C-alpha atoms as a PDB file:
ATOM      1  CA  UNK A   1      13.515  16.135  12.134  1.00  0.00           C
ATOM      2  CA  UNK A   2      14.752  13.292  10.471  1.00  0.00           C
ATOM      3  CA  UNK A   3      14.449  11.049  13.756  1.00  0.00           C
ATOM      4  CA  UNK A   4      12.861   8.200  14.112  1.00  0.00           C
ATOM      5  CA  UNK A   5      10.258   8.787  16.011  1.00  0.00           C
ATOM      6  CA  UNK A   6       9.812  11.570  13.185  1.00  0.00           C
ATOM      7  CA  UNK A   7       9.095  10.199  10.439  1.00  0.00           C
ATOM      8  CA  UNK A   8       8.927   6.128  11.112  1.00  0.00           C
ATOM      9  CA  UNK A   9      12.290   4.521   9.724  1.00  0.00           C
ATOM     10  CA  UNK A  10      15.985   4.937  10.533  1.00  0.00           C
ATOM     11  CA  UNK A  11      18.306   7.096   9.608  1.00  0.00           C
ATOM     12  CA  UNK A  12      20.430   4.429   6.985  1.00  0.00           C
ATOM     13  CA  UNK A  13      17.108   3.980   5.750  1.00  0.00           C
ATOM     14  CA  UNK A  14      16.339   7.757   5.131  1.00  0.00           C
ATOM     15  CA  UNK A  15      20.031   7.956   3.763  1.00  0.00           C
ATOM     16  CA  UNK A  16      19.221   4.981   1.277  1.00  0.00           C
ATOM     17  CA  UNK A  17      15.914   6.869   0.336  1.00  0.00           C
ATOM     18  CA  UNK A  18      18.020  10.043  -0.369  1.00  0.00           C
ATOM     19  CA  UNK A  19      19.884   8.335  -2.622  1.00  0.00           C
ATOM     20  CA  UNK A  20      17.431   6.721  -4.390  1.00  0.00           C
ATOM     21  CA  UNK A  21      14.977   9.300  -5.091  1.00  0.00           C
ATOM     22  CA  UNK A  22      16.826  13.105  -5.775  1.00  0.00           C
ATOM     23  CA  UNK A  23      18.051  11.782  -9.289  1.00  0.00           C
ATOM     24  CA  UNK A  24      14.343  11.203  -9.918  1.00  0.00           C
ATOM     25  CA  UNK A  25      12.960  14.450  -8.193  1.00  0.00           C
ATOM     26  CA  UNK A  26      15.615  16.303 -10.140  1.00  0.00           C
ATOM     27  CA  UNK A  27      14.588  14.967 -12.952  1.00  0.00           C
ATOM     28  CA  UNK A  28      11.395  16.272 -12.361  1.00  0.00           C
ATOM     29  CA  UNK A  29      11.439  18.916 -11.692  1.00  0.00           C
ATOM     30  CA  UNK A  30      13.555  19.895 -14.964  1.00  0.00           C
ATOM     31  CA  UNK A  31      11.075  18.519 -16.966  1.00  0.00           C
ATOM     32  CA  UNK A  32       8.176  20.615 -15.249  1.00  0.00           C
ATOM     33  CA  UNK A  33      10.766  23.688 -16.479  1.00  0.00           C
ATOM     34  CA  UNK A  34      10.846  22.690 -18.999  1.00  0.00           C
ATOM     35  CA  UNK A  35       7.385  22.895 -20.288  1.00  0.00           C
ATOM     36  CA  UNK A  36       7.130  25.724 -18.863  1.00  0.00           C
ATOM     37  CA  UNK A  37      10.226  27.319 -20.674  1.00  0.00           C
ATOM     38  CA  UNK A  38       9.364  25.547 -23.807  1.00  0.00           C
ATOM     39  CA  UNK A  39      12.189  24.388 -24.370  1.00  0.00           C
ATOM     40  CA  UNK A  40      15.902  24.568 -23.830  1.00  0.00           C
ATOM     41  CA  UNK A  41      17.203  26.776 -20.266  1.00  0.00           C
ATOM     42  CA  UNK A  42      19.467  29.072 -21.643  1.00  0.00           C
ATOM     43  CA  UNK A  43      21.394  30.573 -18.379  1.00  0.00           C
ATOM     44  CA  UNK A  44      23.527  27.831 -17.137  1.00  0.00           C
ATOM     45  CA  UNK A  45      22.749  25.450 -14.647  1.00  0.00           C
ATOM     46  CA  UNK A  46      22.247  26.746 -10.875  1.00  0.00           C
ATOM     47  CA  UNK A  47      21.787  30.306 -12.244  1.00  0.00           C
ATOM     48  CA  UNK A  48      18.359  31.843 -10.422  1.00  0.00           C
ATOM     49  CA  UNK A  49      16.564  31.109  -7.438  1.00  0.00           C
ATOM     50  CA  UNK A  50      17.420  29.205  -4.619  1.00  0.00           C
ATOM     51  CA  UNK A  51      15.016  26.426  -3.138  1.00  0.00           C
ATOM     52  CA  UNK A  52      14.038  26.955  -0.170  1.00  0.00           C
ATOM     53  CA  UNK A  53      13.012  23.839   0.810  1.00  0.00           C
ATOM     54  CA  UNK A  54      15.924  20.810  -0.176  1.00  0.00           C
ATOM     55  CA  UNK A  55      14.899  17.262  -1.238  1.00  0.00           C
ATOM     56  CA  UNK A  56      16.657  16.083   2.015  1.00  0.00           C
ATOM     57  CA  UNK A  57      13.818  18.512   3.273  1.00  0.00           C
ATOM     58  CA  UNK A  58      11.256  17.802   1.437  1.00  0.00           C
ATOM     59  CA  UNK A  59      11.952  13.585   2.510  1.00  0.00           C
ATOM     60  CA  UNK A  60      11.635  14.857   5.448  1.00  0.00           C
ATOM     61  CA  UNK A  61       8.295  16.824   5.815  1.00  0.00           C
ATOM     62  CA  UNK A  62       6.341  14.136   3.529  1.00  0.00           C
ATOM     63  CA  UNK A  63       7.164  11.138   6.278  1.00  0.00           C
ATOM     64  CA  UNK A  64       6.625  13.577   8.812  1.00  0.00           C
ATOM     65  CA  UNK A  65       3.013  13.457   7.558  1.00  0.00           C
ATOM     66  CA  UNK A  66       2.666  10.559   6.367  1.00  0.00           C
ATOM     67  CA  UNK A  67       3.164   8.965  10.393  1.00  0.00           C
ATOM     68  CA  UNK A  68       1.782  11.251  11.692  1.00  0.00           C
ATOM     69  CA  UNK A  69      -0.844  13.320   9.606  1.00  0.00           C
ATOM     70  CA  UNK A  70       0.684  16.445  11.036  1.00  0.00           C
ATOM     71  CA  UNK A  71      -0.610  19.716   8.717  1.00  0.00           C
ATOM     72  CA  UNK A  72       1.394  21.600   6.347  1.00  0.00           C
ATOM     73  CA  UNK A  73       1.370  24.867   7.923  1.00  0.00           C
ATOM     74  CA  UNK A  74       2.022  23.220  10.890  1.00  0.00           C
ATOM     75  CA  UNK A  75       5.569  21.529   8.505  1.00  0.00           C
ATOM     76  CA  UNK A  76       5.067  25.046   7.214  1.00  0.00           C
ATOM     77  CA  UNK A  77       6.197  26.463  10.362  1.00  0.00           C
ATOM     78  CA  UNK A  78       9.256  24.517  11.339  1.00  0.00           C
ATOM     79  CA  UNK A  79      10.342  24.522   8.305  1.00  0.00           C
ATOM     80  CA  UNK A  80      10.539  28.474   7.390  1.00  0.00           C
ATOM     81  CA  UNK A  81       9.095  28.303   4.318  1.00  0.00           C
ATOM     82  CA  UNK A  82       5.374  28.830   2.846  1.00  0.00           C
ATOM     83  CA  UNK A  83       2.236  26.140   2.952  1.00  0.00           C
ATOM     84  CA  UNK A  84       2.465  25.808  -0.561  1.00  0.00           C
ATOM     85  CA  UNK A  85       5.565  25.364  -0.452  1.00  0.00           C
ATOM     86  CA  UNK A  86       5.195  21.661   1.226  1.00  0.00           C
ATOM     87  CA  UNK A  87       2.394  21.045   0.277  1.00  0.00           C
ATOM     88  CA  UNK A  88       4.371  20.811  -3.462  1.00  0.00           C
ATOM     89  CA  UNK A  89       6.794  19.012  -1.591  1.00  0.00           C
ATOM     90  CA  UNK A  90       4.477  16.615  -0.435  1.00  0.00           C
ATOM     91  CA  UNK A  91       2.754  16.397  -3.251  1.00  0.00           C
ATOM     92  CA  UNK A  92       6.128  15.187  -5.302  1.00  0.00           C
ATOM     93  CA  UNK A  93       7.668  13.056  -2.807  1.00  0.00           C
ATOM     94  CA  UNK A  94       4.376  11.419  -2.649  1.00  0.00           C
ATOM     95  CA  UNK A  95       4.470  10.173  -6.025  1.00  0.00           C
ATOM     96  CA  UNK A  96       7.676   8.896  -6.231  1.00  0.00           C
ATOM     97  CA  UNK A  97       7.572   6.847  -3.004  1.00  0.00           C
ATOM     98  CA  UNK A  98       4.354   5.439  -4.482  1.00  0.00           C
ATOM     99  CA  UNK A  99       6.348   4.784  -7.579  1.00  0.00           C
ATOM    100  CA  UNK A 100       9.049   2.592  -6.025  1.00  0.00           C
ATOM    101  CA  UNK A 101       7.484  -0.768  -5.061  1.00  0.00           C
ATOM    102  CA  UNK A 102       7.662  -3.590  -3.491  1.00  0.00           C
ATOM    103  CA  UNK A 103      11.198  -5.116  -2.533  1.00  0.00           C
ATOM    104  CA  UNK A 104      11.664  -8.592  -2.283  1.00  0.00           C
ATOM    105  CA  UNK A 105      14.441 -10.594   0.237  1.00  0.00           C
ATOM    106  CA  UNK A 106      17.779 -11.014  -0.133  1.00  0.00           C
ATOM    107  CA  UNK A 107      17.210  -9.083  -3.826  1.00  0.00           C
ATOM    108  CA  UNK A 108      18.484  -5.607  -3.375  1.00  0.00           C
ATOM    109  CA  UNK A 109      17.820  -4.415  -7.485  1.00  0.00           C
ATOM    110  CA  UNK A 110      14.676  -5.971  -7.334  1.00  0.00           C
ATOM    111  CA  UNK A 111      10.926  -4.350  -6.594  1.00  0.00           C
ATOM    112  CA  UNK A 112       7.946  -5.783  -7.381  1.00  0.00           C
ATOM    113  CA  UNK A 113       5.081  -2.897  -9.650  1.00  0.00           C
ATOM    114  CA  UNK A 114       2.565  -4.954 -10.738  1.00  0.00           C
ATOM    115  CA  UNK A 115       0.594  -7.865  -9.893  1.00  0.00           C
ATOM    116  CA  UNK A 116       2.628 -10.062 -12.825  1.00  0.00           C
ATOM    117  CA  UNK A 117       5.647  -9.088 -11.173  1.00  0.00           C
ATOM    118  CA  UNK A 118       4.166 -11.006  -7.934  1.00  0.00           C
ATOM    119  CA  UNK A 119       2.661 -13.871  -9.452  1.00  0.00           C
ATOM    120  CA  UNK A 120       6.004 -14.187 -11.021  1.00  0.00           C
ATOM    121  CA  UNK A 121       8.541 -14.055  -8.174  1.00  0.00           C
ATOM    122  CA  UNK A 122       6.100 -16.580  -5.689  1.00  0.00           C
ATOM    123  CA  UNK A 123       6.034 -19.252  -8.485  1.00  0.00           C
ATOM    124  CA  UNK A 124       9.339 -18.906  -9.011  1.00  0.00           C
ATOM    125  CA  UNK A 125      10.928 -18.847  -5.592  1.00  0.00           C
ATOM    126  CA  UNK A 126       8.180 -21.012  -4.096  1.00  0.00           C
ATOM    127  CA  UNK A 127       6.727 -18.630  -2.141  1.00  0.00           C
ATOM    128  CA  UNK A 128       2.981 -19.365  -0.900  1.00  0.00           C
ATOM    129  CA  UNK A 129       1.082 -16.123  -1.246  1.00  0.00           C
ATOM    130  CA  UNK A 130      -1.490 -14.319   2.045  1.00  0.00           C
ATOM    131  CA  UNK A 131      -3.870 -12.754   0.403  1.00  0.00           C
ATOM    132  CA  UNK A 132      -6.924  -9.937   2.029  1.00  0.00           C
ATOM    133  CA  UNK A 133      -8.516  -6.985   2.123  1.00  0.00           C
ATOM    134  CA  UNK A 134      -8.913  -3.695   4.652  1.00  0.00           C
ATOM    135  CA  UNK A 135     -10.328   0.087   5.116  1.00  0.00           C
ATOM    136  CA  UNK A 136      -9.406   3.007   5.451  1.00  0.00           C
ATOM    137  CA  UNK A 137     -12.169   5.397   6.436  1.00  0.00           C
ATOM    138  CA  UNK A 138     -12.834   7.450   4.245  1.00  0.00           C
ATOM    139  CA  UNK A 139     -14.593  11.255   4.470  1.00  0.00           C
ATOM    140  CA  UNK A 140     -18.636  11.587   2.930  1.00  0.00           C
ATOM    141  CA  UNK A 141     -18.833  12.006   0.127  1.00  0.00           C
ATOM    142  CA  UNK A 142     -20.814  15.934  -0.532  1.00  0.00           C
ATOM    143  CA  UNK A 143     -24.775  15.171  -0.531  1.00  0.00           C
ATOM    144  CA  UNK A 144     -26.359  15.207  -3.668  1.00  0.00           C
ATOM    145  CA  UNK A 145     -23.010  13.747  -5.293  1.00  0.00           C
ATOM    146  CA  UNK A 146     -23.731  10.599  -7.718  1.00  0.00           C
ATOM    147  CA  UNK A 147     -22.079   8.046  -6.228  1.00  0.00           C
ATOM    148  CA  UNK A 148     -22.673   8.461  -2.204  1.00  0.00           C
ATOM    149  CA  UNK A 149     -24.236   4.527  -1.082  1.00  0.00           C
ATOM    150  CA  UNK A 150     -21.311   3.639  -2.691  1.00  0.00           C
ATOM    151  CA  UNK A 151     -18.504   3.593   0.072  1.00  0.00           C
ATOM    152  CA  UNK A 152     -21.143   2.788   3.329  1.00  0.00           C
ATOM    153  CA  UNK A 153     -19.037  -0.368   4.102  1.00  0.00           C
ATOM    154  CA  UNK A 154     -21.633  -3.310   4.798  1.00  0.00           C
ATOM    155  CA  UNK A 155     -18.973  -4.281   7.074  1.00  0.00           C
ATOM    156  CA  UNK A 156     -17.847  -1.360   9.035  1.00  0.00           C
ATOM    157  CA  UNK A 157     -20.902   0.441   8.499  1.00  0.00           C
ATOM    158  CA  UNK A 158     -19.107   3.451   7.703  1.00  0.00           C
ATOM    159  CA  UNK A 159     -17.808   5.756   4.164  1.00  0.00           C
ATOM    160  CA  UNK A 160     -14.178   3.453   3.561  1.00  0.00           C
ATOM    161  CA  UNK A 161     -11.883   3.377   0.773  1.00  0.00           C
ATOM    162  CA  UNK A 162     -10.477  -0.385   0.920  1.00  0.00           C
ATOM    163  CA  UNK A 163      -7.329  -2.561  -1.086  1.00  0.00           C
ATOM    164  CA  UNK A 164      -6.478  -5.720  -1.340  1.00  0.00           C
ATOM    165  CA  UNK A 165      -2.582  -6.355   0.479  1.00  0.00           C
ATOM    166  CA  UNK A 166      -0.586  -9.574  -0.734  1.00  0.00           C
ATOM    167  CA  UNK A 167       2.158 -10.644   1.768  1.00  0.00           C
ATOM    168  CA  UNK A 168       4.506 -13.738   2.052  1.00  0.00           C
ATOM    169  CA  UNK A 169       4.887 -16.086   5.056  1.00  0.00           C
ATOM    170  CA  UNK A 170       7.333 -13.691   7.159  1.00  0.00           C
ATOM    171  CA  UNK A 171       4.383 -11.208   6.502  1.00  0.00           C
ATOM    172  CA  UNK A 172       6.817  -9.295   4.197  1.00  0.00           C
ATOM    173  CA  UNK A 173       4.378  -6.838   1.783  1.00  0.00           C
ATOM    174  CA  UNK A 174       4.527  -7.407  -1.118  1.00  0.00           C
ATOM    175  CA  UNK A 175       2.139  -5.367  -3.708  1.00  0.00           C
ATOM    176  CA  UNK A 176      -1.661  -2.841  -2.989  1.00  0.00           C
ATOM    177  CA  UNK A 177      -4.111  -2.798  -5.099  1.00  0.00           C
ATOM    178  CA  UNK A 178      -5.666   0.482  -5.766  1.00  0.00           C
ATOM    179  CA  UNK A 179      -8.095   1.767  -3.718  1.00  0.00           C
ATOM    180  CA  UNK A 180     -12.231   1.392  -4.520  1.00  0.00           C
ATOM    181  CA  UNK A 181     -15.398   2.202  -2.869  1.00  0.00           C
ATOM    182  CA  UNK A 182     -15.507  -0.337   0.067  1.00  0.00           C
ATOM    183  CA  UNK A 183     -19.084  -1.170  -0.332  1.00  0.00           C
ATOM    184  CA  UNK A 184     -17.301  -3.496  -3.107  1.00  0.00           C
ATOM    185  CA  UNK A 185     -17.379  -7.174  -1.317  1.00  0.00           C
ATOM    186  CA  UNK A 186     -13.507  -8.736  -1.206  1.00  0.00           C
ATOM    187  CA  UNK A 187     -13.898 -11.221  -3.649  1.00  0.00           C
ATOM    188  CA  UNK A 188     -15.025  -8.306  -6.104  1.00  0.00           C
ATOM    189  CA  UNK A 189     -12.647  -6.505  -5.467  1.00  0.00           C
ATOM    190  CA  UNK A 190     -10.032  -9.484  -6.505  1.00  0.00           C
ATOM    191  CA  UNK A 191     -11.027 -10.694  -9.167  1.00  0.00           C
ATOM    192  CA  UNK A 192     -11.378  -6.878 -10.443  1.00  0.00           C
ATOM    193  CA  UNK A 193      -7.323  -6.926  -9.487  1.00  0.00           C
ATOM    194  CA  UNK A 194      -7.283  -9.411 -11.766  1.00  0.00           C
ATOM    195  CA  UNK A 195      -5.858 -12.396  -8.620  1.00  0.00           C
ATOM    196  CA  UNK A 196      -8.173 -14.484 -11.044  1.00  0.00           C
ATOM    197  CA  UNK A 197      -6.258 -13.934 -14.040  1.00  0.00           C
ATOM    198  CA  UNK A 198      -3.511 -14.505 -12.354  1.00  0.00           C
ATOM    199  CA  UNK A 199      -3.881 -17.538 -10.779  1.00  0.00           C
ATOM    200  CA  UNK A 200      -5.597 -19.260 -14.295  1.00  0.00           C
ATOM    201  CA  UNK A 201      -1.478 -17.923 -15.597  1.00  0.00           C
ATOM    202  CA  UNK A 202       0.450 -19.136 -12.804  1.00  0.00           C
ATOM    203  CA  UNK A 203      -0.691 -22.908 -12.181  1.00  0.00           C
ATOM    204  CA  UNK A 204       1.526 -23.777  -9.419  1.00  0.00           C
ATOM    205  CA  UNK A 205       1.237 -20.456  -6.825  1.00  0.00           C
ATOM    206  CA  UNK A 206      -0.643 -21.467  -4.139  1.00  0.00           C
ATOM    207  CA  UNK A 207      -2.793 -18.020  -2.323  1.00  0.00           C
ATOM    208  CA  UNK A 208      -4.080 -18.861   1.613  1.00  0.00           C
ATOM    209  CA  UNK A 209      -7.703 -16.641   2.018  1.00  0.00           C
ATOM    210  CA  UNK A 210     -10.396 -16.140   4.648  1.00  0.00           C
ATOM    211  CA  UNK A 211     -14.141 -17.326   4.103  1.00  0.00           C
ATOM    212  CA  UNK A 212     -15.222 -13.552   2.803  1.00  0.00           C
ATOM    213  CA  UNK A 213     -13.441 -15.230  -0.730  1.00  0.00           C
ATOM    214  CA  UNK A 214     -15.171 -18.800  -1.165  1.00  0.00           C
ATOM    215  CA  UNK A 215     -15.824 -17.625  -4.948  1.00  0.00           C
ATOM    216  CA  UNK A 216     -12.124 -18.268  -5.381  1.00  0.00           C
ATOM    217  CA  UNK A 217     -11.844 -21.151  -3.479  1.00  0.00           C
ATOM    218  CA  UNK A 218     -14.178 -22.661  -5.161  1.00  0.00           C
ATOM    219  CA  UNK A 219     -12.872 -21.791  -9.245  1.00  0.00           C
ATOM    220  CA  UNK A 220      -9.586 -22.300  -8.343  1.00  0.00           C
ATOM    221  CA  UNK A 221      -9.371 -25.340  -6.247  1.00  0.00           C
ATOM    222  CA  UNK A 222      -5.470 -26.783  -4.413  1.00  0.00           C
ATOM    223  CA  UNK A 223      -4.924 -22.622  -6.167  1.00  0.00           C
ATOM    224  CA  UNK A 224      -6.920 -20.203  -4.022  1.00  0.00           C
ATOM    225  CA  UNK A 225      -7.064 -22.597  -0.049  1.00  0.00           C
ATOM    226  CA  UNK A 226      -9.485 -21.144   1.913  1.00  0.00           C
ATOM    227  CA  UNK A 227     -10.804 -21.856   5.205  1.00  0.00           C
ATOM    228  CA  UNK A 228     -12.886 -25.765   5.516  1.00  0.00           C
ATOM    229  CA  UNK A 229     -16.777 -24.495   5.080  1.00  0.00           C
ATOM    230  CA  UNK A 230     -18.878 -25.442   7.949  1.00  0.00           C
ATOM    231  CA  UNK A 231     -20.312 -29.144   8.535  1.00  0.00           C
ATOM    232  CA  UNK A 232     -23.826 -30.201   8.464  1.00  0.00           C
ATOM    233  CA  UNK A 233     -25.648 -30.186  12.071  1.00  0.00           C
ATOM    234  CA  UNK A 234     -25.647 -33.238  13.389  1.00  0.00           C
ATOM    235  CA  UNK A 235     -22.394 -34.109  12.923  1.00  0.00           C
ATOM    236  CA  UNK A 236     -20.319 -36.061  15.131  1.00  0.00           C
ATOM    237  CA  UNK A 237     -17.714 -35.078  17.110  1.00  0.00           C
ATOM    238  CA  UNK A 238     -14.855 -36.603  15.643  1.00  0.00           C
ATOM    239  CA  UNK A 239     -16.028 -34.717  11.830  1.00  0.00           C
ATOM    240  CA  UNK A 240     -15.672 -31.633  14.232  1.00  0.00           C
ATOM    241  CA  UNK A 241     -12.977 -31.978  15.943  1.00  0.00           C
ATOM    242  CA  UNK A 242     -10.684 -32.437  12.727  1.00  0.00           C
ATOM    243  CA  UNK A 243     -12.549 -29.158  11.340  1.00  0.00           C
ATOM    244  CA  UNK A 244     -11.158 -27.382  14.043  1.00  0.00           C
ATOM    245  CA  UNK A 245      -8.242 -28.379  13.704  1.00  0.00           C
ATOM    246  CA  UNK A 246      -7.939 -27.591  10.434  1.00  0.00           C
ATOM    247  CA  UNK A 247      -9.459 -24.386  10.159  1.00  0.00           C
ATOM    248  CA  UNK A 248      -6.724 -22.906  13.402  1.00  0.00           C
ATOM    249  CA  UNK A 249      -3.662 -24.537  10.296  1.00  0.00           C
ATOM    250  CA  UNK A 250      -5.472 -22.509   7.627  1.00  0.00           C
ATOM    251  CA  UNK A 251      -4.852 -19.346  10.236  1.00  0.00           C
ATOM    252  CA  UNK A 252      -2.044 -19.742  11.348  1.00  0.00           C
ATOM    253  CA  UNK A 253      -1.052 -20.080   8.062  1.00  0.00           C
ATOM    254  CA  UNK A 254      -3.128 -16.991   6.800  1.00  0.00           C
ATOM    255  CA  UNK A 255      -2.368 -14.830   9.777  1.00  0.00           C
ATOM    256  CA  UNK A 256       0.564 -13.058   8.199  1.00  0.00           C
ATOM    257  CA  UNK A 257      -1.251 -10.288   6.321  1.00  0.00           C
ATOM    258  CA  UNK A 258      -3.445  -9.896   9.419  1.00  0.00           C
ATOM    259  CA  UNK A 259       0.416  -8.397  10.786  1.00  0.00           C
ATOM    260  CA  UNK A 260       1.535  -6.893   7.403  1.00  0.00           C
ATOM    261  CA  UNK A 261      -2.185  -4.837   7.248  1.00  0.00           C
ATOM    262  CA  UNK A 262      -1.169  -4.275  11.418  1.00  0.00           C
ATOM    263  CA  UNK A 263       1.698  -2.776   9.861  1.00  0.00           C
ATOM    264  CA  UNK A 264       0.633  -0.483   7.409  1.00  0.00           C
ATOM    265  CA  UNK A 265      -2.198   1.078   9.899  1.00  0.00           C
ATOM    266  CA  UNK A 266       0.410   2.525  12.335  1.00  0.00           C
ATOM    267  CA  UNK A 267       1.238   4.784  10.435  1.00  0.00           C
ATOM    268  CA  UNK A 268      -1.334   8.045  11.390  1.00  0.00           C
ATOM    269  CA  UNK A 269      -3.154   8.479   7.755  1.00  0.00           C
ATOM    270  CA  UNK A 270      -4.259   4.859   7.060  1.00  0.00           C
ATOM    271  CA  UNK A 271      -6.612   5.011  10.616  1.00  0.00           C
ATOM    272  CA  UNK A 272      -8.801   8.195   9.181  1.00  0.00           C
ATOM    273  CA  UNK A 273      -8.273   9.140   6.072  1.00  0.00           C
ATOM    274  CA  UNK A 274      -9.202  12.495   6.247  1.00  0.00           C
ATOM    275  CA  UNK A 275      -8.038  14.188   2.922  1.00  0.00           C
ATOM    276  CA  UNK A 276      -8.908  14.540  -0.673  1.00  0.00           C
ATOM    277  CA  UNK A 277     -10.273  10.565  -1.458  1.00  0.00           C
ATOM    278  CA  UNK A 278      -8.064  10.567  -4.804  1.00  0.00           C
ATOM    279  CA  UNK A 279      -5.179  11.036  -2.188  1.00  0.00           C
ATOM    280  CA  UNK A 280      -5.577   8.068  -0.601  1.00  0.00           C
ATOM    281  CA  UNK A 281      -4.441   5.355  -3.896  1.00  0.00           C
ATOM    282  CA  UNK A 282      -0.775   7.023  -4.247  1.00  0.00           C
ATOM    283  CA  UNK A 283      -0.842   7.276  -0.050  1.00  0.00           C
ATOM    284  CA  UNK A 284      -1.156   3.915   0.627  1.00  0.00           C
ATOM    285  CA  UNK A 285       0.722   2.489  -2.055  1.00  0.00           C
ATOM    286  CA  UNK A 286       3.366   5.018  -0.156  1.00  0.00           C
ATOM    287  CA  UNK A 287       3.702   3.642   3.235  1.00  0.00           C
ATOM    288  CA  UNK A 288       3.314   0.385   2.102  1.00  0.00           C
ATOM    289  CA  UNK A 289       6.468   0.544  -0.099  1.00  0.00           C
ATOM    290  CA  UNK A 290       8.594   2.099   3.225  1.00  0.00           C
ATOM    291  CA  UNK A 291       7.125  -0.867   5.113  1.00  0.00           C
ATOM    292  CA  UNK A 292       8.180  -3.087   3.138  1.00  0.00           C
ATOM    293  CA  UNK A 293      11.561  -2.078   3.031  1.00  0.00           C
ATOM    294  CA  UNK A 294      11.331  -1.798   6.604  1.00  0.00           C
ATOM    295  CA  UNK A 295      10.740  -5.206   7.060  1.00  0.00           C
ATOM    296  CA  UNK A 296      12.975  -6.586   5.196  1.00  0.00           C
ATOM    297  CA  UNK A 297      16.200  -4.734   6.232  1.00  0.00           C
END
C-alpha cells in the first residue's frame, strides 16, 4: 500500500513524512485524551487498548485517499478496520499535512506558511513570483440555502471554489490561499487575500500576472506585471509586432505557475470535489504542500 503508485510520493518522501508528523500526531492524540479525562492519566503509558490502525497506516491511507479519492469504506476493507476509523484517521492526518507549509529550495528547515513569509522570502532572495487562480468543481448547495449563486463560476459555468496560488520561476508552489466561492473575480480574491498590502510593504518584489489582474497592475506599476494592453484599431505593423513579442515574453515568464496548477490537479480529489465544501481548503493545502516537497526533491 505504500508503493508510490498508490500514495503519489516516493518511498523516501513517505519516510520523511512519518518522521516529521509522528510527534505532532501523538501530541494531538494525547491532548484529546487529556481533554476527555479532564486531567492527567492515571495509568502508565502503554496501558490500555492499542491502535488498530498505527500512524504509518493512517498516513498511507490518507495519501491514497487524496491521490485516488478512494472511498473510506474501501480503505477500511483493505485495512480490516471500521469505516469510522479511517474517516477519523484521514481527518487527523489531513490537518497535519495542511499545517506543514511549503518547502523552499536549498532550505530544508524553512517552510513558508503565510503570504508575508512568501513575500519576505522573495525580497530577500530576489525571487520573481508568479500568481494565478484556479477553480475546483464542487457540488451545488442544497435548494433553499442562501448563497447558492455565489458558487456559480462565470468562467466555468459550474459550481466551483477558487484559490489563488503563488509559484516561483521554476513552477514550485510557494503558497495557496484559502478557497473562496467561484463567482468571486480573480483580482478580488487576490486583494482579499492581502496581495495588495504585501505589494505595498515589500516594494522590491515583482509578480507576473495574467489579464485577469489588470487592476493590480494599474495600482502597483513595475511590480505587478501584467501583459501589455490591446492596441487601438488601425495600429501600424511595427507596434503590433512589438506587442506580440511582449505578450509572448510575458507568457513565457508566467507559464510556470500554470505548471504548478497542473501538478495540483494530478491528484484526483482536486479534479472534482464531491465531499463537504468546508473540508476542501485543508485538502488543497495538504496536496499543494506535498507537491512542493516533491518539486524540490
